């Protein structure tokens, strides 16, 4: 498994601009992105490139043929699935370096058998108003990544203007 402070997994993503936005998110936070095939678009789709701007070269992206190969690659990493079916809120988890955040396809979410393979405490939800179906994938991913990163004191990120130290990098 590749060492990363955080892994983001997109299971069968369908919409190129969402994946492009998440590539940019991962480049800016240092998270590693994993794409589980099949993808709903061609890897060279111009919409994917446009949404990710010039951040593709700064992001670590791995493509996996299926969920089993992705899971094997991640080894013992704790996997937290995000779903409207989750019973625990995302902010109630104590995230740790090496954790993986799993998100499903935009139009259908994660399959029931995958959700059922995880402990219920690792199937999380974001709060929403009643009657709403779901958040946009890239928005939900950003909320989750930044909460996990916040809990890890923004390791590898720039210090706040109030911080001390000459390098400006958190450790």
N, C-alpha and C. Protein backbone atom coordinates (compact mmCIF):
# COMPACT_ATOMS: atom_id res chain seq x y z
N UNK A 1 0.85 -1.19 0.00
CA UNK A 1 0.00 0.00 0.00
C UNK A 1 0.89 1.24 0.00
N UNK A 2 0.48 2.22 -0.74
CA UNK A 2 1.15 3.51 -0.78
C UNK A 2 0.83 4.28 0.50
N UNK A 3 1.87 4.84 1.12
CA UNK A 3 1.64 5.64 2.32
C UNK A 3 1.03 6.98 1.95
N UNK A 4 -0.05 7.31 2.58
CA UNK A 4 -0.73 8.58 2.35
C UNK A 4 -1.43 8.96 3.64
N UNK A 5 -1.55 10.25 3.89
CA UNK A 5 -2.26 10.63 5.11
C UNK A 5 -3.73 10.30 4.99
N UNK A 6 -4.25 10.23 3.75
CA UNK A 6 -5.66 9.95 3.53
C UNK A 6 -5.85 9.43 2.11
N UNK A 7 -6.75 8.48 1.97
CA UNK A 7 -7.10 7.94 0.66
C UNK A 7 -8.55 8.32 0.36
N UNK A 8 -8.80 8.74 -0.86
CA UNK A 8 -10.14 9.02 -1.35
C UNK A 8 -10.42 8.01 -2.44
N UNK A 9 -11.53 7.29 -2.31
CA UNK A 9 -11.89 6.26 -3.29
C UNK A 9 -13.19 6.66 -3.96
N UNK A 10 -13.17 6.73 -5.29
CA UNK A 10 -14.39 6.94 -6.06
C UNK A 10 -14.73 5.61 -6.72
N UNK A 11 -15.84 5.04 -6.30
CA UNK A 11 -16.30 3.75 -6.82
C UNK A 11 -17.16 4.01 -8.06
N UNK A 12 -16.64 3.60 -9.20
CA UNK A 12 -17.35 3.73 -10.48
C UNK A 12 -17.90 5.14 -10.72
N UNK A 13 -17.07 6.16 -10.65
CA UNK A 13 -17.56 7.53 -10.88
C UNK A 13 -18.09 7.69 -12.30
N UNK A 14 -19.09 8.56 -12.45
CA UNK A 14 -19.78 8.68 -13.73
C UNK A 14 -19.59 10.03 -14.42
N UNK A 15 -19.36 11.08 -13.67
CA UNK A 15 -19.39 12.43 -14.23
C UNK A 15 -17.98 13.02 -14.22
N UNK A 16 -17.40 13.26 -15.40
CA UNK A 16 -16.01 13.72 -15.47
C UNK A 16 -15.69 14.98 -14.66
N UNK A 17 -16.52 16.03 -14.69
CA UNK A 17 -16.16 17.22 -13.91
C UNK A 17 -16.07 16.95 -12.40
N UNK A 18 -16.89 16.05 -11.88
CA UNK A 18 -16.78 15.72 -10.45
C UNK A 18 -15.43 15.09 -10.15
N UNK A 19 -15.02 14.14 -10.98
CA UNK A 19 -13.73 13.49 -10.77
C UNK A 19 -12.60 14.49 -10.94
N UNK A 20 -12.71 15.38 -11.92
CA UNK A 20 -11.70 16.42 -12.10
C UNK A 20 -11.58 17.32 -10.89
N UNK A 21 -12.72 17.71 -10.32
CA UNK A 21 -12.70 18.54 -9.11
C UNK A 21 -12.04 17.80 -7.95
N UNK A 22 -12.29 16.50 -7.86
CA UNK A 22 -11.72 15.71 -6.76
C UNK A 22 -10.22 15.50 -6.97
N UNK A 23 -9.77 15.40 -8.22
CA UNK A 23 -8.33 15.37 -8.49
C UNK A 23 -7.69 16.65 -7.95
N UNK A 24 -8.32 17.77 -8.22
CA UNK A 24 -7.80 19.06 -7.73
C UNK A 24 -7.80 19.09 -6.20
N UNK A 25 -8.88 18.61 -5.57
CA UNK A 25 -8.95 18.53 -4.12
C UNK A 25 -7.80 17.70 -3.56
N UNK A 26 -7.56 16.54 -4.15
CA UNK A 26 -6.50 15.66 -3.67
C UNK A 26 -5.12 16.29 -3.86
N UNK A 27 -4.92 16.97 -4.98
CA UNK A 27 -3.64 17.66 -5.21
C UNK A 27 -3.41 18.72 -4.14
N UNK A 28 -4.44 19.42 -3.76
CA UNK A 28 -4.31 20.52 -2.80
C UNK A 28 -4.23 20.07 -1.34
N UNK A 29 -4.68 18.87 -1.05
CA UNK A 29 -4.66 18.40 0.33
C UNK A 29 -3.61 17.32 0.58
N UNK A 30 -3.11 16.70 -0.48
CA UNK A 30 -2.15 15.61 -0.32
C UNK A 30 -2.79 14.25 -0.18
N UNK A 31 -4.11 14.17 -0.32
CA UNK A 31 -4.79 12.87 -0.29
C UNK A 31 -4.49 12.11 -1.59
N UNK A 32 -4.50 10.80 -1.51
CA UNK A 32 -4.31 9.96 -2.69
C UNK A 32 -5.67 9.54 -3.21
N UNK A 33 -5.87 9.66 -4.51
CA UNK A 33 -7.15 9.32 -5.13
C UNK A 33 -7.08 7.94 -5.75
N UNK A 34 -8.12 7.15 -5.51
CA UNK A 34 -8.26 5.82 -6.10
C UNK A 34 -9.55 5.79 -6.90
N UNK A 35 -9.47 5.38 -8.15
CA UNK A 35 -10.65 5.27 -9.02
C UNK A 35 -10.91 3.80 -9.27
N UNK A 36 -12.11 3.34 -8.90
CA UNK A 36 -12.50 1.95 -9.11
C UNK A 36 -13.30 1.88 -10.40
N UNK A 37 -12.83 1.08 -11.34
CA UNK A 37 -13.48 0.94 -12.64
C UNK A 37 -14.68 0.01 -12.54
N UNK A 38 -15.61 0.11 -13.50
CA UNK A 38 -15.51 0.94 -14.70
C UNK A 38 -15.83 2.41 -14.42
N UNK A 39 -15.13 3.27 -15.13
CA UNK A 39 -15.41 4.70 -15.08
C UNK A 39 -16.52 5.00 -16.06
N UNK A 40 -17.32 6.00 -15.78
CA UNK A 40 -18.41 6.38 -16.68
C UNK A 40 -17.97 7.34 -17.76
N UNK A 41 -16.67 7.42 -18.02
CA UNK A 41 -16.12 8.36 -19.00
C UNK A 41 -14.74 7.87 -19.40
N UNK A 42 -14.23 8.42 -20.49
CA UNK A 42 -12.88 8.10 -20.93
C UNK A 42 -11.89 8.89 -20.08
N UNK A 43 -10.76 8.26 -19.75
CA UNK A 43 -9.76 8.91 -18.90
C UNK A 43 -9.23 10.19 -19.53
N UNK A 44 -9.26 10.29 -20.84
CA UNK A 44 -8.77 11.49 -21.52
C UNK A 44 -9.89 12.48 -21.84
N UNK A 45 -11.05 12.32 -21.22
CA UNK A 45 -12.18 13.22 -21.45
C UNK A 45 -11.77 14.67 -21.17
N UNK A 46 -12.06 15.56 -22.09
CA UNK A 46 -11.65 16.97 -21.93
C UNK A 46 -12.35 17.62 -20.74
N UNK A 47 -13.56 17.15 -20.40
CA UNK A 47 -14.27 17.73 -19.24
C UNK A 47 -13.56 17.37 -17.93
N UNK A 48 -12.98 16.18 -17.89
CA UNK A 48 -12.19 15.76 -16.73
C UNK A 48 -10.96 16.66 -16.61
N UNK A 49 -10.27 16.87 -17.70
CA UNK A 49 -9.06 17.70 -17.70
C UNK A 49 -9.39 19.15 -17.35
N UNK A 50 -10.48 19.65 -17.91
CA UNK A 50 -10.85 21.05 -17.65
C UNK A 50 -11.16 21.26 -16.17
N UNK A 51 -11.92 20.35 -15.56
CA UNK A 51 -12.29 20.51 -14.15
C UNK A 51 -11.07 20.40 -13.24
N UNK A 52 -10.12 19.56 -13.61
CA UNK A 52 -8.91 19.39 -12.80
C UNK A 52 -7.84 20.41 -13.10
N UNK A 53 -8.09 21.26 -14.13
CA UNK A 53 -7.13 22.27 -14.57
C UNK A 53 -5.75 21.64 -14.72
N UNK A 54 -4.74 22.25 -14.18
CA UNK A 54 -3.39 21.71 -14.31
C UNK A 54 -2.94 20.97 -13.05
N UNK A 55 -3.90 20.46 -12.28
CA UNK A 55 -3.57 19.80 -11.03
C UNK A 55 -3.30 18.30 -11.18
N UNK A 56 -3.58 17.74 -12.36
CA UNK A 56 -3.43 16.30 -12.55
C UNK A 56 -2.01 15.84 -12.21
N UNK A 57 -1.02 16.63 -12.58
CA UNK A 57 0.37 16.23 -12.35
C UNK A 57 0.76 16.30 -10.87
N UNK A 58 -0.04 16.97 -10.05
CA UNK A 58 0.28 17.12 -8.63
C UNK A 58 -0.49 16.13 -7.75
N UNK A 59 -1.39 15.37 -8.33
CA UNK A 59 -2.20 14.43 -7.56
C UNK A 59 -1.70 13.00 -7.77
N UNK A 60 -1.75 12.21 -6.71
CA UNK A 60 -1.46 10.78 -6.83
C UNK A 60 -2.79 10.09 -7.13
N UNK A 61 -2.88 9.49 -8.30
CA UNK A 61 -4.12 8.84 -8.73
C UNK A 61 -3.80 7.40 -9.11
N UNK A 62 -4.58 6.47 -8.56
CA UNK A 62 -4.45 5.05 -8.88
C UNK A 62 -5.78 4.57 -9.44
N UNK A 63 -5.71 3.81 -10.52
CA UNK A 63 -6.92 3.19 -11.07
C UNK A 63 -6.89 1.70 -10.74
N UNK A 64 -8.07 1.18 -10.35
CA UNK A 64 -8.19 -0.23 -9.96
C UNK A 64 -9.28 -0.87 -10.81
N UNK A 65 -9.06 -2.10 -11.23
CA UNK A 65 -10.00 -2.80 -12.10
C UNK A 65 -11.33 -3.07 -11.41
N UNK A 66 -11.32 -3.22 -10.09
CA UNK A 66 -12.55 -3.50 -9.35
C UNK A 66 -12.32 -3.20 -7.87
N UNK A 67 -13.39 -3.34 -7.09
CA UNK A 67 -13.31 -3.03 -5.67
C UNK A 67 -12.33 -3.96 -4.95
N UNK A 68 -12.33 -5.24 -5.30
CA UNK A 68 -11.45 -6.19 -4.62
C UNK A 68 -9.98 -5.80 -4.80
N UNK A 69 -9.59 -5.38 -5.99
CA UNK A 69 -8.19 -5.00 -6.20
C UNK A 69 -7.86 -3.70 -5.47
N UNK A 70 -8.80 -2.79 -5.40
CA UNK A 70 -8.58 -1.55 -4.64
C UNK A 70 -8.41 -1.87 -3.17
N UNK A 71 -9.29 -2.70 -2.65
CA UNK A 71 -9.24 -3.06 -1.23
C UNK A 71 -7.94 -3.77 -0.89
N UNK A 72 -7.49 -4.66 -1.78
CA UNK A 72 -6.23 -5.36 -1.56
C UNK A 72 -5.06 -4.37 -1.57
N UNK A 73 -5.09 -3.40 -2.46
CA UNK A 73 -4.03 -2.40 -2.54
C UNK A 73 -3.94 -1.58 -1.25
N UNK A 74 -5.09 -1.29 -0.65
CA UNK A 74 -5.13 -0.47 0.56
C UNK A 74 -4.72 -1.24 1.82
N UNK A 75 -4.65 -2.54 1.74
CA UNK A 75 -4.22 -3.34 2.89
C UNK A 75 -5.15 -3.18 4.08
N UNK A 76 -4.57 -2.82 5.22
CA UNK A 76 -5.34 -2.73 6.47
C UNK A 76 -5.97 -1.37 6.71
N UNK A 77 -5.99 -0.51 5.73
CA UNK A 77 -6.58 0.83 5.91
C UNK A 77 -8.03 0.71 6.35
N UNK A 78 -8.44 1.56 7.28
CA UNK A 78 -9.86 1.63 7.65
C UNK A 78 -10.59 2.32 6.51
N UNK A 79 -11.70 1.73 6.08
CA UNK A 79 -12.51 2.30 5.00
C UNK A 79 -13.80 2.83 5.59
N UNK A 80 -14.08 4.10 5.28
CA UNK A 80 -15.33 4.74 5.70
C UNK A 80 -16.12 5.06 4.44
N UNK A 81 -17.29 4.44 4.33
CA UNK A 81 -18.16 4.66 3.17
C UNK A 81 -19.12 5.80 3.48
N UNK A 82 -19.35 6.65 2.50
CA UNK A 82 -20.28 7.77 2.65
C UNK A 82 -21.54 7.44 1.88
N UNK A 83 -22.68 7.50 2.58
CA UNK A 83 -23.94 7.09 1.99
C UNK A 83 -25.10 7.77 2.71
N UNK A 84 -26.17 8.01 1.98
CA UNK A 84 -27.38 8.52 2.62
C UNK A 84 -27.97 7.46 3.55
N UNK A 85 -27.51 6.22 3.44
CA UNK A 85 -27.97 5.14 4.30
C UNK A 85 -27.13 5.02 5.57
N UNK A 86 -26.12 5.84 5.72
CA UNK A 86 -25.26 5.79 6.89
C UNK A 86 -26.03 6.11 8.16
N UNK A 87 -25.58 5.53 9.27
CA UNK A 87 -26.24 5.74 10.55
C UNK A 87 -25.41 6.59 11.50
N UNK A 88 -24.20 6.94 11.10
CA UNK A 88 -23.32 7.75 11.94
C UNK A 88 -22.89 8.97 11.13
N UNK A 89 -22.82 10.11 11.79
CA UNK A 89 -22.38 11.32 11.11
C UNK A 89 -20.87 11.31 10.91
N UNK A 90 -20.44 11.88 9.81
CA UNK A 90 -19.02 11.90 9.42
C UNK A 90 -18.13 12.59 10.45
N UNK A 91 -18.65 13.54 11.18
CA UNK A 91 -17.84 14.29 12.14
C UNK A 91 -17.71 13.60 13.49
N UNK A 92 -18.41 12.48 13.67
CA UNK A 92 -18.32 11.72 14.91
C UNK A 92 -17.20 10.68 14.88
N UNK A 93 -16.49 10.60 13.78
CA UNK A 93 -15.40 9.64 13.62
C UNK A 93 -14.08 10.31 14.01
N UNK A 94 -13.20 9.57 14.65
CA UNK A 94 -11.84 10.04 14.91
C UNK A 94 -10.95 9.49 13.79
N UNK A 95 -10.73 10.31 12.77
CA UNK A 95 -9.94 9.88 11.62
C UNK A 95 -8.48 9.75 12.00
N UNK A 96 -7.81 8.82 11.29
CA UNK A 96 -6.39 8.55 11.53
C UNK A 96 -5.65 8.57 10.20
N UNK A 97 -4.35 8.87 10.24
CA UNK A 97 -3.57 8.80 9.00
C UNK A 97 -3.70 7.41 8.36
N UNK A 98 -3.88 7.39 7.06
CA UNK A 98 -4.02 6.14 6.33
C UNK A 98 -5.46 5.71 6.10
N UNK A 99 -6.43 6.40 6.71
CA UNK A 99 -7.84 6.06 6.50
C UNK A 99 -8.23 6.29 5.05
N UNK A 100 -9.29 5.60 4.63
CA UNK A 100 -9.81 5.72 3.27
C UNK A 100 -11.27 6.14 3.32
N UNK A 101 -11.62 7.12 2.49
CA UNK A 101 -12.98 7.63 2.39
C UNK A 101 -13.55 7.17 1.06
N UNK A 102 -14.64 6.43 1.10
CA UNK A 102 -15.22 5.79 -0.08
C UNK A 102 -16.53 6.46 -0.47
N UNK A 103 -16.64 6.80 -1.76
CA UNK A 103 -17.82 7.47 -2.30
C UNK A 103 -18.32 6.70 -3.52
N UNK A 104 -19.65 6.62 -3.66
CA UNK A 104 -20.25 5.87 -4.74
C UNK A 104 -20.54 6.69 -5.97
N UNK A 105 -21.07 6.02 -7.00
CA UNK A 105 -21.42 6.70 -8.24
C UNK A 105 -22.51 7.75 -8.00
N UNK A 106 -22.45 8.80 -8.79
CA UNK A 106 -23.35 9.94 -8.60
C UNK A 106 -24.83 9.58 -8.70
N UNK A 107 -25.21 8.68 -9.58
CA UNK A 107 -26.64 8.43 -9.81
C UNK A 107 -27.23 7.32 -8.96
N UNK A 108 -26.38 6.51 -8.31
CA UNK A 108 -26.95 5.38 -7.57
C UNK A 108 -26.31 5.10 -6.22
N UNK A 109 -25.21 5.74 -5.90
CA UNK A 109 -24.57 5.49 -4.62
C UNK A 109 -23.88 4.14 -4.58
N UNK A 110 -23.38 3.79 -3.42
CA UNK A 110 -22.66 2.53 -3.25
C UNK A 110 -23.63 1.35 -3.21
N UNK A 111 -23.24 0.21 -3.78
CA UNK A 111 -24.13 -0.96 -3.76
C UNK A 111 -24.31 -1.50 -2.33
N UNK A 112 -25.47 -2.07 -2.10
CA UNK A 112 -25.82 -2.58 -0.76
C UNK A 112 -24.83 -3.62 -0.27
N UNK A 113 -24.37 -4.52 -1.15
CA UNK A 113 -23.44 -5.56 -0.70
C UNK A 113 -22.11 -4.97 -0.22
N UNK A 114 -21.67 -3.90 -0.85
CA UNK A 114 -20.44 -3.25 -0.40
C UNK A 114 -20.67 -2.57 0.95
N UNK A 115 -21.77 -1.84 1.07
CA UNK A 115 -22.09 -1.19 2.35
C UNK A 115 -22.21 -2.21 3.47
N UNK A 116 -22.87 -3.33 3.18
CA UNK A 116 -23.08 -4.37 4.19
C UNK A 116 -21.80 -5.09 4.59
N UNK A 117 -20.76 -4.98 3.76
CA UNK A 117 -19.48 -5.64 4.08
C UNK A 117 -18.67 -4.84 5.10
N UNK A 118 -19.10 -3.63 5.38
CA UNK A 118 -18.39 -2.77 6.34
C UNK A 118 -19.15 -2.72 7.66
N UNK A 119 -18.44 -2.51 8.77
CA UNK A 119 -19.15 -2.31 10.03
C UNK A 119 -20.06 -1.09 9.93
N UNK A 120 -21.21 -1.14 10.56
CA UNK A 120 -22.16 -0.02 10.50
C UNK A 120 -21.53 1.28 10.96
N UNK A 121 -20.57 1.20 11.87
CA UNK A 121 -19.90 2.41 12.36
C UNK A 121 -18.99 3.04 11.32
N UNK A 122 -18.78 2.35 10.21
CA UNK A 122 -17.93 2.87 9.14
C UNK A 122 -18.75 3.24 7.90
N UNK A 123 -20.06 3.29 8.04
CA UNK A 123 -20.93 3.80 6.97
C UNK A 123 -21.47 5.13 7.48
N UNK A 124 -20.98 6.20 6.88
CA UNK A 124 -21.21 7.55 7.40
C UNK A 124 -22.14 8.35 6.51
N UNK A 125 -22.69 9.38 7.09
CA UNK A 125 -23.56 10.29 6.33
C UNK A 125 -23.21 11.72 6.65
N UNK A 126 -23.51 12.58 5.70
CA UNK A 126 -23.40 14.02 5.90
C UNK A 126 -24.79 14.53 6.23
N UNK A 127 -24.92 15.48 7.15
CA UNK A 127 -26.25 16.00 7.46
C UNK A 127 -26.83 16.75 6.27
N UNK A 128 -28.12 16.58 6.07
CA UNK A 128 -28.85 17.28 5.01
C UNK A 128 -30.24 17.61 5.53
N UNK A 129 -30.88 18.51 4.86
CA UNK A 129 -32.27 18.82 5.20
C UNK A 129 -33.16 17.66 4.77
N UNK A 130 -34.25 17.42 5.49
CA UNK A 130 -35.18 16.35 5.13
C UNK A 130 -35.70 16.54 3.70
N UNK A 131 -35.90 15.44 3.01
CA UNK A 131 -36.48 15.47 1.68
C UNK A 131 -35.47 15.66 0.56
N UNK A 132 -34.21 15.88 0.90
CA UNK A 132 -33.19 16.04 -0.14
C UNK A 132 -32.53 14.68 -0.40
N UNK A 133 -32.20 14.43 -1.67
CA UNK A 133 -31.65 13.13 -2.04
C UNK A 133 -30.18 12.96 -1.65
N UNK A 134 -29.36 13.91 -2.07
CA UNK A 134 -27.92 13.78 -1.80
C UNK A 134 -27.21 15.07 -2.18
N UNK A 135 -25.96 15.16 -1.76
CA UNK A 135 -25.10 16.27 -2.15
C UNK A 135 -24.34 15.90 -3.42
N UNK A 136 -23.81 16.89 -4.11
CA UNK A 136 -22.94 16.65 -5.25
C UNK A 136 -21.71 15.88 -4.76
N UNK A 137 -21.26 14.93 -5.56
CA UNK A 137 -20.14 14.07 -5.17
C UNK A 137 -18.90 14.86 -4.79
N UNK A 138 -18.49 15.81 -5.62
CA UNK A 138 -17.25 16.53 -5.31
C UNK A 138 -17.42 17.41 -4.07
N UNK A 139 -18.61 17.93 -3.83
CA UNK A 139 -18.84 18.72 -2.62
C UNK A 139 -18.80 17.83 -1.37
N UNK A 140 -19.46 16.68 -1.44
CA UNK A 140 -19.46 15.75 -0.30
C UNK A 140 -18.04 15.28 0.01
N UNK A 141 -17.30 15.01 -1.03
CA UNK A 141 -15.92 14.56 -0.86
C UNK A 141 -15.08 15.64 -0.19
N UNK A 142 -15.24 16.89 -0.62
CA UNK A 142 -14.48 17.99 -0.03
C UNK A 142 -14.81 18.17 1.45
N UNK A 143 -16.09 18.08 1.81
CA UNK A 143 -16.48 18.21 3.21
C UNK A 143 -15.79 17.14 4.04
N UNK A 144 -15.83 15.90 3.57
CA UNK A 144 -15.25 14.78 4.32
C UNK A 144 -13.73 14.89 4.41
N UNK A 145 -13.08 15.20 3.30
CA UNK A 145 -11.61 15.30 3.30
C UNK A 145 -11.15 16.39 4.25
N UNK A 146 -11.79 17.54 4.21
CA UNK A 146 -11.35 18.63 5.07
C UNK A 146 -11.62 18.35 6.55
N UNK A 147 -12.68 17.61 6.87
CA UNK A 147 -12.91 17.24 8.27
C UNK A 147 -11.82 16.28 8.74
N UNK A 148 -11.51 15.28 7.93
CA UNK A 148 -10.45 14.34 8.31
C UNK A 148 -9.11 15.06 8.44
N UNK A 149 -8.81 15.95 7.50
CA UNK A 149 -7.55 16.69 7.53
C UNK A 149 -7.49 17.62 8.75
N UNK A 150 -8.61 18.26 9.06
CA UNK A 150 -8.67 19.13 10.24
C UNK A 150 -8.33 18.33 11.49
N UNK A 151 -8.92 17.14 11.61
CA UNK A 151 -8.66 16.31 12.78
C UNK A 151 -7.20 15.88 12.88
N UNK A 152 -6.51 15.85 11.74
CA UNK A 152 -5.09 15.49 11.73
C UNK A 152 -4.21 16.74 11.74
N UNK A 153 -4.78 17.85 12.20
CA UNK A 153 -4.07 19.12 12.32
C UNK A 153 -3.48 19.59 10.99
N UNK A 154 -4.16 19.29 9.90
CA UNK A 154 -3.74 19.74 8.56
C UNK A 154 -2.29 19.34 8.27
N UNK A 155 -1.93 18.10 8.63
CA UNK A 155 -0.56 17.65 8.41
C UNK A 155 -0.15 17.86 6.95
N UNK A 156 1.01 18.44 6.77
CA UNK A 156 1.51 18.73 5.44
C UNK A 156 0.98 20.00 4.82
N UNK A 157 0.04 20.66 5.49
CA UNK A 157 -0.54 21.89 4.95
C UNK A 157 0.18 23.12 5.45
N UNK A 158 -0.17 24.24 4.89
CA UNK A 158 0.43 25.50 5.31
C UNK A 158 -0.05 25.87 6.71
N UNK A 159 0.82 26.47 7.46
CA UNK A 159 0.45 26.95 8.79
C UNK A 159 -0.53 28.12 8.64
N UNK A 160 -1.30 28.33 9.67
CA UNK A 160 -2.16 29.50 9.68
C UNK A 160 -1.29 30.75 9.82
N UNK A 161 -1.79 31.91 9.45
CA UNK A 161 -1.01 33.14 9.60
C UNK A 161 -0.57 33.37 11.04
N UNK A 162 -1.29 32.79 12.01
CA UNK A 162 -0.93 32.96 13.42
C UNK A 162 0.18 32.01 13.85
N UNK A 163 0.46 31.02 13.01
CA UNK A 163 1.43 29.99 13.38
C UNK A 163 2.85 30.50 13.45
N UNK A 164 3.71 29.66 13.99
CA UNK A 164 5.12 30.00 14.07
C UNK A 164 5.90 29.04 13.20
N UNK A 165 7.15 29.34 13.01
CA UNK A 165 8.01 28.47 12.20
C UNK A 165 8.31 29.12 10.88
N UNK A 166 9.51 28.92 10.42
CA UNK A 166 9.94 29.59 9.19
C UNK A 166 9.52 28.86 7.93
N UNK A 167 9.27 27.56 8.02
CA UNK A 167 8.97 26.82 6.79
C UNK A 167 7.51 26.93 6.37
N UNK A 168 6.61 27.31 7.28
CA UNK A 168 5.20 27.45 6.94
C UNK A 168 4.47 26.15 6.77
N UNK A 169 5.12 25.03 7.00
CA UNK A 169 4.50 23.72 6.81
C UNK A 169 4.22 23.09 8.16
N UNK A 170 3.01 22.53 8.28
CA UNK A 170 2.68 21.79 9.50
C UNK A 170 3.35 20.43 9.46
N UNK A 171 3.66 19.88 10.62
CA UNK A 171 4.25 18.56 10.66
C UNK A 171 3.35 17.60 11.33
